[in-house]
Amino acid sequence: MPNEPVSIIMPAYRAQATIARAVAAALAQTHSHFELIIISDDGCDYEAVLGRAGIADPRIRHLESGLIGGGSPPARNMGLDAARYPIAAVLDADDAFKTEKLAIMVPLAARHGLASCALDVTLPDGTHLRHIARGEDGLLTPGQYKFVNFSMDSMLVHDRRRADPRYDPSLPCMTDLDFLLKIFVTVPACFHVGTPLHDYVKMPVSVSNGPGVTERMVATKHELRRRLADGFYPLADPDGMAGIDRFLAISLDAEQSYAPRPGAIPPDLFEDHLEPLLMAAGTRV
């Protein structure tokens, strides 16, 4: 259905400087049938913050996590628990949707159960760094998915009638990939849109970009490989197990050889280091 209603889930932690842009991008969608659920994870009154920016809309709902820095997984889970609509999308408070994202991806998510799109990776000031997964549209099996969308999985739109998992607060990072694998338990493939429809902002310090990130990433990738081996994710397409595990193995090798230059402008990106290793493995990126 082209006008299927959507629940957009937005956790917010210390987002006073970025949330107005993120919310404005949601409100500017050409697909207008949605609710935007903002979950404050720092005790901040984001309704007041948006009001001072001249933003108010009846489609916006404000919730409180009851925590201070509880993390995006519990906040996202609270939003999913409160969601009214069958299609769900996540928008972090420092990212943005391109204007046509929901109009393009919602019908695909309703048809296939899951849709992804290419990313426009930027700095907080809007400086473009690179694209991820730009190219052809088409179905991706679980085994193919991470060799196309090889970094970040926060751009997903999924049909909760086909899969309605929750994020895992026990993982220190890569909770988007764990969430994706849970969707793949009942959804056999993802429809990928090769046009960048989601702005992913590389913040100076975040769960995926800051002190100790390598150690967290390595530990989580090992844990995900253990879960795969233990059958924690009984994928609808069991052939996908090998492809996901192979991606994680290559990514772990990349972690060991990654040596970003301190203070480099533009910053050295792990994605720039990982991509040629995937290509050398003979897998499409």
C-alpha atoms as a PDB file:
ATOM      1  CA  MET A   1       0.000   0.000   0.000  1.00  0.00           C
ATOM      2  CA  PRO A   2       1.544   3.337  -1.045  1.00  0.00           C
ATOM      3  CA  ASN A   3       0.093   5.300   1.903  1.00  0.00           C
ATOM      4  CA  GLU A   4       0.672   2.700   4.630  1.00  0.00           C
ATOM      5  CA  PRO A   5       1.017   4.497   7.993  1.00  0.00           C
ATOM      6  CA  VAL A   6       4.487   4.568   9.550  1.00  0.00           C
ATOM      7  CA  SER A   7       5.816   4.838  13.090  1.00  0.00           C
ATOM      8  CA  ILE A   8       9.149   6.687  13.141  1.00  0.00           C
ATOM      9  CA  ILE A   9      11.153   5.919  16.292  1.00  0.00           C
ATOM     10  CA  MET A  10      13.601   8.612  17.469  1.00  0.00           C
ATOM     11  CA  PRO A  11      15.677   8.174  20.645  1.00  0.00           C
ATOM     12  CA  ALA A  12      17.142  11.455  21.880  1.00  0.00           C
ATOM     13  CA  TYR A  13      20.158  11.864  24.160  1.00  0.00           C
ATOM     14  CA  ARG A  14      21.943  15.207  24.400  1.00  0.00           C
ATOM     15  CA  ALA A  15      20.348  16.016  21.065  1.00  0.00           C
ATOM     16  CA  GLN A  16      19.469  19.656  21.665  1.00  0.00           C
ATOM     17  CA  ALA A  17      21.798  20.832  18.870  1.00  0.00           C
ATOM     18  CA  THR A  18      20.684  18.318  16.242  1.00  0.00           C
ATOM     19  CA  ILE A  19      17.101  17.250  16.841  1.00  0.00           C
ATOM     20  CA  ALA A  20      15.428  20.181  15.059  1.00  0.00           C
ATOM     21  CA  ARG A  21      17.089  19.209  11.763  1.00  0.00           C
ATOM     22  CA  ALA A  22      16.173  15.544  12.205  1.00  0.00           C
ATOM     23  CA  VAL A  23      12.541  16.308  13.043  1.00  0.00           C
ATOM     24  CA  ALA A  24      12.230  18.865  10.228  1.00  0.00           C
ATOM     25  CA  ALA A  25      13.452  16.204   7.787  1.00  0.00           C
ATOM     26  CA  ALA A  26      10.768  13.814   9.038  1.00  0.00           C
ATOM     27  CA  LEU A  27       8.042  16.438   8.776  1.00  0.00           C
ATOM     28  CA  ALA A  28       9.163  17.275   5.218  1.00  0.00           C
ATOM     29  CA  GLN A  29       8.491  13.730   3.974  1.00  0.00           C
ATOM     30  CA  THR A  30       6.279  13.505   0.908  1.00  0.00           C
ATOM     31  CA  HIS A  31       4.745  10.452   2.610  1.00  0.00           C
ATOM     32  CA  SER A  32       2.752  12.278   5.284  1.00  0.00           C
ATOM     33  CA  HIS A  33       0.890   9.437   7.030  1.00  0.00           C
ATOM     34  CA  PHE A  34       3.140   8.818  10.028  1.00  0.00           C
ATOM     35  CA  GLU A  35       3.709   9.354  13.715  1.00  0.00           C
ATOM     36  CA  LEU A  36       7.070  10.474  15.072  1.00  0.00           C
ATOM     37  CA  ILE A  37       7.767   9.059  18.534  1.00  0.00           C
ATOM     38  CA  ILE A  38      10.574  10.931  20.319  1.00  0.00           C
ATOM     39  CA  ILE A  39      11.938   9.175  23.398  1.00  0.00           C
ATOM     40  CA  SER A  40      13.933  11.464  25.668  1.00  0.00           C
ATOM     41  CA  ASP A  41      16.783   9.487  27.238  1.00  0.00           C
ATOM     42  CA  ASP A  42      18.294  12.382  29.188  1.00  0.00           C
ATOM     43  CA  GLY A  43      15.360  13.997  30.985  1.00  0.00           C
ATOM     44  CA  CYS A  44      15.267  16.858  28.470  1.00  0.00           C
ATOM     45  CA  ASP A  45      11.939  18.354  27.420  1.00  0.00           C
ATOM     46  CA  TYR A  46      12.390  17.983  23.678  1.00  0.00           C
ATOM     47  CA  GLU A  47       8.899  19.299  22.998  1.00  0.00           C
ATOM     48  CA  ALA A  48      10.105  22.614  24.426  1.00  0.00           C
ATOM     49  CA  VAL A  49      13.372  22.396  22.470  1.00  0.00           C
ATOM     50  CA  LEU A  50      11.461  21.908  19.229  1.00  0.00           C
ATOM     51  CA  GLY A  51       9.000  24.640  20.170  1.00  0.00           C
ATOM     52  CA  ARG A  52      11.845  27.137  20.494  1.00  0.00           C
ATOM     53  CA  ALA A  53      12.871  26.126  16.958  1.00  0.00           C
ATOM     54  CA  GLY A  54       9.336  26.803  15.725  1.00  0.00           C
ATOM     55  CA  ILE A  55       8.503  23.109  15.298  1.00  0.00           C
ATOM     56  CA  ALA A  56       5.208  21.651  16.471  1.00  0.00           C
ATOM     57  CA  ASP A  57       3.084  19.012  14.783  1.00  0.00           C
ATOM     58  CA  PRO A  58       0.247  16.769  16.005  1.00  0.00           C
ATOM     59  CA  ARG A  59       2.014  13.731  14.529  1.00  0.00           C
ATOM     60  CA  ILE A  60       4.829  14.086  17.091  1.00  0.00           C
ATOM     61  CA  ARG A  61       4.527  12.080  20.313  1.00  0.00           C
ATOM     62  CA  HIS A  62       6.896  12.642  23.244  1.00  0.00           C
ATOM     63  CA  LEU A  63       7.906   9.878  25.655  1.00  0.00           C
ATOM     64  CA  GLU A  64      10.433   9.677  28.514  1.00  0.00           C
ATOM     65  CA  SER A  65      12.701   6.649  28.927  1.00  0.00           C
ATOM     66  CA  GLY A  66      12.927   7.305  32.654  1.00  0.00           C
ATOM     67  CA  LEU A  67      16.700   6.948  32.362  1.00  0.00           C
ATOM     68  CA  ILE A  68      19.670   9.238  31.877  1.00  0.00           C
ATOM     69  CA  GLY A  69      21.814   7.832  29.112  1.00  0.00           C
ATOM     70  CA  GLY A  70      20.148   4.425  29.174  1.00  0.00           C
ATOM     71  CA  GLY A  71      21.195   3.953  25.556  1.00  0.00           C
ATOM     72  CA  SER A  72      19.403   3.798  22.241  1.00  0.00           C
ATOM     73  CA  PRO A  73      18.277   0.126  22.491  1.00  0.00           C
ATOM     74  CA  PRO A  74      15.954   0.602  25.514  1.00  0.00           C
ATOM     75  CA  ALA A  75      14.699   3.917  24.115  1.00  0.00           C
ATOM     76  CA  ARG A  76      14.020   2.415  20.688  1.00  0.00           C
ATOM     77  CA  ASN A  77      12.283  -0.551  22.329  1.00  0.00           C
ATOM     78  CA  MET A  78      10.032   1.828  24.252  1.00  0.00           C
ATOM     79  CA  GLY A  79       9.154   3.543  20.981  1.00  0.00           C
ATOM     80  CA  LEU A  80       8.398   0.235  19.272  1.00  0.00           C
ATOM     81  CA  ASP A  81       6.222  -0.832  22.198  1.00  0.00           C
ATOM     82  CA  ALA A  82       4.253   2.420  21.877  1.00  0.00           C
ATOM     83  CA  ALA A  83       4.067   2.392  18.060  1.00  0.00           C
ATOM     84  CA  ARG A  84       0.570   2.477  16.585  1.00  0.00           C
ATOM     85  CA  TYR A  85       1.355   1.595  12.980  1.00  0.00           C
ATOM     86  CA  PRO A  86       2.468  -1.572  11.164  1.00  0.00           C
ATOM     87  CA  ILE A  87       5.469  -0.093   9.333  1.00  0.00           C
ATOM     88  CA  ALA A  88       8.401   1.129  11.429  1.00  0.00           C
ATOM     89  CA  ALA A  89      11.482   3.213  10.691  1.00  0.00           C
ATOM     90  CA  VAL A  90      14.223   4.464  12.992  1.00  0.00           C
ATOM     91  CA  LEU A  91      15.607   7.988  12.755  1.00  0.00           C
ATOM     92  CA  ASP A  92      18.349   8.956  15.175  1.00  0.00           C
ATOM     93  CA  ALA A  93      18.214  12.527  16.468  1.00  0.00           C
ATOM     94  CA  ASP A  94      21.455  13.468  14.689  1.00  0.00           C
ATOM     95  CA  ASP A  95      20.551  11.940  11.293  1.00  0.00           C
ATOM     96  CA  ALA A  96      18.015  12.919   8.618  1.00  0.00           C
ATOM     97  CA  PHE A  97      15.736  11.381   6.024  1.00  0.00           C
ATOM     98  CA  LYS A  98      15.879  12.541   2.425  1.00  0.00           C
ATOM     99  CA  THR A  99      12.492  13.947   1.435  1.00  0.00           C
ATOM    100  CA  GLU A 100      11.379  10.897  -0.575  1.00  0.00           C
ATOM    101  CA  LYS A 101      12.641   8.196   1.782  1.00  0.00           C
ATOM    102  CA  LEU A 102       9.309   7.037   3.193  1.00  0.00           C
ATOM    103  CA  ALA A 103       7.448   7.450  -0.099  1.00  0.00           C
ATOM    104  CA  ILE A 104       9.932   5.106  -1.783  1.00  0.00           C
ATOM    105  CA  MET A 105      10.653   2.653   1.006  1.00  0.00           C
ATOM    106  CA  VAL A 106       7.298   2.163   2.737  1.00  0.00           C
ATOM    107  CA  PRO A 107       5.620   0.353  -0.205  1.00  0.00           C
ATOM    108  CA  LEU A 108       8.726  -1.813  -0.558  1.00  0.00           C
ATOM    109  CA  ALA A 109       8.717  -2.693   3.150  1.00  0.00           C
ATOM    110  CA  ALA A 110       5.008  -3.544   2.949  1.00  0.00           C
ATOM    111  CA  ARG A 111       5.614  -5.753  -0.107  1.00  0.00           C
ATOM    112  CA  HIS A 112       8.816  -7.507   0.984  1.00  0.00           C
ATOM    113  CA  GLY A 113       8.771  -7.140   4.776  1.00  0.00           C
ATOM    114  CA  LEU A 114      12.075  -5.227   4.874  1.00  0.00           C
ATOM    115  CA  ALA A 115      13.715  -2.426   2.886  1.00  0.00           C
ATOM    116  CA  SER A 116      17.115  -0.758   3.068  1.00  0.00           C
ATOM    117  CA  CYS A 117      18.651   2.155   1.199  1.00  0.00           C
ATOM    118  CA  ALA A 118      22.027   3.655   0.407  1.00  0.00           C
ATOM    119  CA  LEU A 119      23.487   6.097   2.925  1.00  0.00           C
ATOM    120  CA  ASP A 120      24.910   9.571   2.546  1.00  0.00           C
ATOM    121  CA  VAL A 121      27.634   9.726   5.224  1.00  0.00           C
ATOM    122  CA  THR A 122      28.351  13.261   6.406  1.00  0.00           C
ATOM    123  CA  LEU A 123      30.012  15.263   9.151  1.00  0.00           C
ATOM    124  CA  PRO A 124      27.791  17.221  11.571  1.00  0.00           C
ATOM    125  CA  ASP A 125      28.300  20.368   9.473  1.00  0.00           C
ATOM    126  CA  GLY A 126      26.891  18.612   6.411  1.00  0.00           C
ATOM    127  CA  THR A 127      30.226  17.894   4.729  1.00  0.00           C
ATOM    128  CA  HIS A 128      29.807  14.831   2.517  1.00  0.00           C
ATOM    129  CA  LEU A 129      32.255  12.019   3.294  1.00  0.00           C
ATOM    130  CA  ARG A 130      31.087   9.112   1.136  1.00  0.00           C
ATOM    131  CA  HIS A 131      28.142   6.962   0.120  1.00  0.00           C
ATOM    132  CA  ILE A 132      27.470   3.443   1.339  1.00  0.00           C
ATOM    133  CA  ALA A 133      25.628   0.908  -0.849  1.00  0.00           C
ATOM    134  CA  ARG A 134      24.916   3.273  -3.723  1.00  0.00           C
ATOM    135  CA  GLY A 135      24.059   1.395  -6.909  1.00  0.00           C
ATOM    136  CA  GLU A 136      21.404  -0.981  -8.165  1.00  0.00           C
ATOM    137  CA  ASP A 137      17.997  -1.647  -6.650  1.00  0.00           C
ATOM    138  CA  GLY A 138      17.057  -5.235  -5.915  1.00  0.00           C
ATOM    139  CA  LEU A 139      16.512  -8.022  -3.429  1.00  0.00           C
ATOM    140  CA  LEU A 140      19.365  -8.989  -1.113  1.00  0.00           C
ATOM    141  CA  THR A 141      19.484 -12.326   0.665  1.00  0.00           C
ATOM    142  CA  PRO A 142      20.898 -12.331   4.222  1.00  0.00           C
ATOM    143  CA  GLY A 143      24.180 -13.662   2.867  1.00  0.00           C
ATOM    144  CA  GLN A 144      24.461 -10.809   0.367  1.00  0.00           C
ATOM    145  CA  TYR A 145      23.164  -7.999   2.544  1.00  0.00           C
ATOM    146  CA  LYS A 146      26.291  -6.995   4.496  1.00  0.00           C
ATOM    147  CA  PHE A 147      28.463  -7.087   1.381  1.00  0.00           C
ATOM    148  CA  VAL A 148      26.287  -4.270   0.026  1.00  0.00           C
ATOM    149  CA  ASN A 149      25.231  -2.415   3.182  1.00  0.00           C
ATOM    150  CA  PHE A 150      28.630  -3.003   4.748  1.00  0.00           C
ATOM    151  CA  SER A 151      28.354  -0.311   7.409  1.00  0.00           C
ATOM    152  CA  MET A 152      25.445   0.905   9.528  1.00  0.00           C
ATOM    153  CA  ASP A 153      21.956  -0.566   9.439  1.00  0.00           C
ATOM    154  CA  SER A 154      19.937   2.305  10.900  1.00  0.00           C
ATOM    155  CA  MET A 155      18.260   3.075   7.563  1.00  0.00           C
ATOM    156  CA  LEU A 156      15.924   0.076   7.651  1.00  0.00           C
ATOM    157  CA  VAL A 157      12.154   0.232   7.199  1.00  0.00           C
ATOM    158  CA  HIS A 158      10.298  -2.946   8.164  1.00  0.00           C
ATOM    159  CA  ASP A 159       6.800  -4.373   8.384  1.00  0.00           C
ATOM    160  CA  ARG A 160       6.017  -5.293  11.982  1.00  0.00           C
ATOM    161  CA  ARG A 161       3.349  -7.727  10.810  1.00  0.00           C
ATOM    162  CA  ARG A 162       6.141  -9.855   9.330  1.00  0.00           C
ATOM    163  CA  ALA A 163       8.747  -9.300  12.050  1.00  0.00           C
ATOM    164  CA  ASP A 164       8.577  -7.296  15.265  1.00  0.00           C
ATOM    165  CA  PRO A 165      11.850  -7.798  17.182  1.00  0.00           C
ATOM    166  CA  ARG A 166      13.425  -5.586  19.835  1.00  0.00           C
ATOM    167  CA  TYR A 167      16.930  -4.190  20.218  1.00  0.00           C
ATOM    168  CA  ASP A 168      19.386  -5.953  22.541  1.00  0.00           C
ATOM    169  CA  PRO A 169      20.603  -3.657  25.362  1.00  0.00           C
ATOM    170  CA  SER A 170      23.262  -6.201  26.355  1.00  0.00           C
ATOM    171  CA  LEU A 171      25.330  -5.542  23.219  1.00  0.00           C
ATOM    172  CA  PRO A 172      27.794  -2.634  23.506  1.00  0.00           C
ATOM    173  CA  CYS A 173      27.336  -1.709  19.823  1.00  0.00           C
ATOM    174  CA  MET A 174      26.093  -3.089  16.478  1.00  0.00           C
ATOM    175  CA  THR A 175      22.582  -3.445  17.879  1.00  0.00           C
ATOM    176  CA  ASP A 176      21.243  -2.532  14.420  1.00  0.00           C
ATOM    177  CA  LEU A 177      22.837  -5.671  12.945  1.00  0.00           C
ATOM    178  CA  ASP A 178      21.438  -7.864  15.720  1.00  0.00           C
ATOM    179  CA  PHE A 179      18.010  -6.313  15.055  1.00  0.00           C
ATOM    180  CA  LEU A 180      18.378  -6.980  11.310  1.00  0.00           C
ATOM    181  CA  LEU A 181      19.268 -10.631  11.899  1.00  0.00           C
ATOM    182  CA  LYS A 182      16.144 -11.033  14.031  1.00  0.00           C
ATOM    183  CA  ILE A 183      14.059  -9.653  11.146  1.00  0.00           C
ATOM    184  CA  PHE A 184      15.728 -12.127   8.778  1.00  0.00           C
ATOM    185  CA  VAL A 185      14.380 -14.957  10.952  1.00  0.00           C
ATOM    186  CA  THR A 186      10.956 -14.496   9.344  1.00  0.00           C
ATOM    187  CA  VAL A 187      11.755 -12.275   6.343  1.00  0.00           C
ATOM    188  CA  PRO A 188      13.876 -14.141   3.753  1.00  0.00           C
ATOM    189  CA  ALA A 189      15.246 -11.131   1.853  1.00  0.00           C
ATOM    190  CA  CYS A 190      15.549  -7.342   1.956  1.00  0.00           C
ATOM    191  CA  PHE A 191      14.709  -5.029  -0.920  1.00  0.00           C
ATOM    192  CA  HIS A 192      17.569  -2.562  -1.301  1.00  0.00           C
ATOM    193  CA  VAL A 193      17.226   0.897  -2.852  1.00  0.00           C
ATOM    194  CA  GLY A 194      20.570   2.003  -4.272  1.00  0.00           C
ATOM    195  CA  THR A 195      19.720   5.712  -4.047  1.00  0.00           C
ATOM    196  CA  PRO A 196      20.966   7.480  -0.883  1.00  0.00           C
ATOM    197  CA  LEU A 197      17.786   8.265   1.052  1.00  0.00           C
ATOM    198  CA  HIS A 198      19.233   8.569   4.571  1.00  0.00           C
ATOM    199  CA  ASP A 199      21.823  11.005   5.939  1.00  0.00           C
ATOM    200  CA  TYR A 200      24.075   9.239   8.453  1.00  0.00           C
ATOM    201  CA  VAL A 201      26.045  11.763  10.495  1.00  0.00           C
ATOM    202  CA  LYS A 202      29.450  10.776  11.855  1.00  0.00           C
ATOM    203  CA  MET A 203      29.528  12.431  15.266  1.00  0.00           C
ATOM    204  CA  PRO A 204      32.970  13.067  16.860  1.00  0.00           C
ATOM    205  CA  VAL A 205      32.036  10.858  19.824  1.00  0.00           C
ATOM    206  CA  SER A 206      29.340   8.181  19.628  1.00  0.00           C
ATOM    207  CA  VAL A 207      28.837   4.470  20.206  1.00  0.00           C
ATOM    208  CA  SER A 208      30.353   3.778  16.769  1.00  0.00           C
ATOM    209  CA  ASN A 209      32.904   6.578  16.691  1.00  0.00           C
ATOM    210  CA  GLY A 210      34.893   7.461  19.800  1.00  0.00           C
ATOM    211  CA  PRO A 211      37.217   6.188  22.559  1.00  0.00           C
ATOM    212  CA  GLY A 212      37.226   2.421  22.942  1.00  0.00           C
ATOM    213  CA  VAL A 213      35.186   1.857  19.799  1.00  0.00           C
ATOM    214  CA  THR A 214      37.571  -0.749  18.356  1.00  0.00           C
ATOM    215  CA  GLU A 215      37.421  -2.886  21.476  1.00  0.00           C
ATOM    216  CA  ARG A 216      33.621  -2.707  21.562  1.00  0.00           C
ATOM    217  CA  MET A 217      33.302  -3.509  17.879  1.00  0.00           C
ATOM    218  CA  VAL A 218      35.673  -6.479  18.076  1.00  0.00           C
ATOM    219  CA  ALA A 219      33.914  -7.915  21.126  1.00  0.00           C
ATOM    220  CA  THR A 220      30.492  -7.515  19.527  1.00  0.00           C
ATOM    221  CA  LYS A 221      31.543  -9.054  16.209  1.00  0.00           C
ATOM    222  CA  HIS A 222      32.886 -12.092  18.069  1.00  0.00           C
ATOM    223  CA  GLU A 223      29.629 -12.330  20.007  1.00  0.00           C
ATOM    224  CA  LEU A 224      27.539 -12.144  16.837  1.00  0.00           C
ATOM    225  CA  ARG A 225      29.651 -14.904  15.265  1.00  0.00           C
ATOM    226  CA  ARG A 226      29.132 -17.012  18.390  1.00  0.00           C
ATOM    227  CA  ARG A 227      25.383 -16.445  18.198  1.00  0.00           C
ATOM    228  CA  LEU A 228      25.330 -17.437  14.550  1.00  0.00           C
ATOM    229  CA  ALA A 229      27.242 -20.631  15.316  1.00  0.00           C
ATOM    230  CA  ASP A 230      24.886 -21.430  18.197  1.00  0.00           C
ATOM    231  CA  GLY A 231      21.762 -21.030  16.048  1.00  0.00           C
ATOM    232  CA  PHE A 232      20.582 -17.924  17.915  1.00  0.00           C
ATOM    233  CA  TYR A 233      19.321 -16.505  14.614  1.00  0.00           C
ATOM    234  CA  PRO A 234      17.378 -19.280  12.796  1.00  0.00           C
ATOM    235  CA  LEU A 235      17.237 -17.395   9.498  1.00  0.00           C
ATOM    236  CA  ALA A 236      14.386 -17.951   7.059  1.00  0.00           C
ATOM    237  CA  ASP A 237      17.161 -18.383   4.466  1.00  0.00           C
ATOM    238  CA  PRO A 238      19.641 -20.684   6.249  1.00  0.00           C
ATOM    239  CA  ASP A 239      22.205 -20.206   3.471  1.00  0.00           C
ATOM    240  CA  GLY A 240      22.605 -16.663   4.753  1.00  0.00           C
ATOM    241  CA  MET A 241      24.467 -17.788   7.864  1.00  0.00           C
ATOM    242  CA  ALA A 242      27.717 -18.396   5.975  1.00  0.00           C
ATOM    243  CA  GLY A 243      27.608 -15.022   4.210  1.00  0.00           C
ATOM    244  CA  ILE A 244      27.010 -13.060   7.395  1.00  0.00           C
ATOM    245  CA  ASP A 245      29.731 -14.965   9.234  1.00  0.00           C
ATOM    246  CA  ARG A 246      32.146 -14.385   6.346  1.00  0.00           C
ATOM    247  CA  PHE A 247      31.437 -10.672   6.449  1.00  0.00           C
ATOM    248  CA  LEU A 248      32.072 -10.567  10.203  1.00  0.00           C
ATOM    249  CA  ALA A 249      35.348 -12.466   9.787  1.00  0.00           C
ATOM    250  CA  ILE A 250      36.581 -10.024   7.130  1.00  0.00           C
ATOM    251  CA  SER A 251      35.456  -7.103   9.270  1.00  0.00           C
ATOM    252  CA  LEU A 252      37.384  -8.468  12.261  1.00  0.00           C
ATOM    253  CA  ASP A 253      40.514  -8.722  10.125  1.00  0.00           C
ATOM    254  CA  ALA A 254      39.923  -5.124   9.065  1.00  0.00           C
ATOM    255  CA  GLU A 255      39.739  -4.024  12.709  1.00  0.00           C
ATOM    256  CA  GLN A 256      43.246  -5.375  13.292  1.00  0.00           C
ATOM    257  CA  SER A 257      44.790  -3.543  10.343  1.00  0.00           C
ATOM    258  CA  TYR A 258      42.828  -0.292  10.662  1.00  0.00           C
ATOM    259  CA  ALA A 259      45.123   2.591  11.671  1.00  0.00           C
ATOM    260  CA  PRO A 260      43.337   5.957  11.353  1.00  0.00           C
ATOM    261  CA  ARG A 261      45.495   9.056  11.462  1.00  0.00           C
ATOM    262  CA  PRO A 262      44.762  11.176  14.549  1.00  0.00           C
ATOM    263  CA  GLY A 263      43.206  14.491  13.571  1.00  0.00           C
ATOM    264  CA  ALA A 264      43.041  13.688   9.849  1.00  0.00           C
ATOM    265  CA  ILE A 265      40.799  16.055   7.873  1.00  0.00           C
ATOM    266  CA  PRO A 266      38.586  14.649   6.512  1.00  0.00           C
ATOM    267  CA  PRO A 267      38.669  11.833   9.064  1.00  0.00           C
ATOM    268  CA  ASP A 268      39.890   8.398   8.061  1.00  0.00           C
ATOM    269  CA  LEU A 269      36.822   6.161   7.902  1.00  0.00           C
ATOM    270  CA  PHE A 270      36.716   2.470   8.800  1.00  0.00           C
ATOM    271  CA  GLU A 271      34.394   2.043   5.815  1.00  0.00           C
ATOM    272  CA  ASP A 272      37.152   3.227   3.445  1.00  0.00           C
ATOM    273  CA  HIS A 273      39.468   0.622   4.954  1.00  0.00           C
ATOM    274  CA  LEU A 274      36.901  -2.196   4.958  1.00  0.00           C
ATOM    275  CA  GLU A 275      35.551  -1.787   1.426  1.00  0.00           C
ATOM    276  CA  PRO A 276      38.701  -2.829  -0.489  1.00  0.00           C
ATOM    277  CA  LEU A 277      39.088  -5.872   1.780  1.00  0.00           C
ATOM    278  CA  LEU A 278      35.582  -6.971   0.870  1.00  0.00           C
ATOM    279  CA  MET A 279      36.295  -6.361  -2.798  1.00  0.00           C
ATOM    280  CA  ALA A 280      39.533  -8.372  -2.569  1.00  0.00           C
ATOM    281  CA  ALA A 281      37.482 -11.228  -1.153  1.00  0.00           C
ATOM    282  CA  GLY A 282      35.621 -11.253  -4.458  1.00  0.00           C
ATOM    283  CA  THR A 283      32.311 -10.114  -3.033  1.00  0.00           C
ATOM    284  CA  ARG A 284      30.129  -7.352  -4.386  1.00  0.00           C
ATOM    285  CA  VAL A 285      30.153  -4.051  -2.488  1.00  0.00           C
END
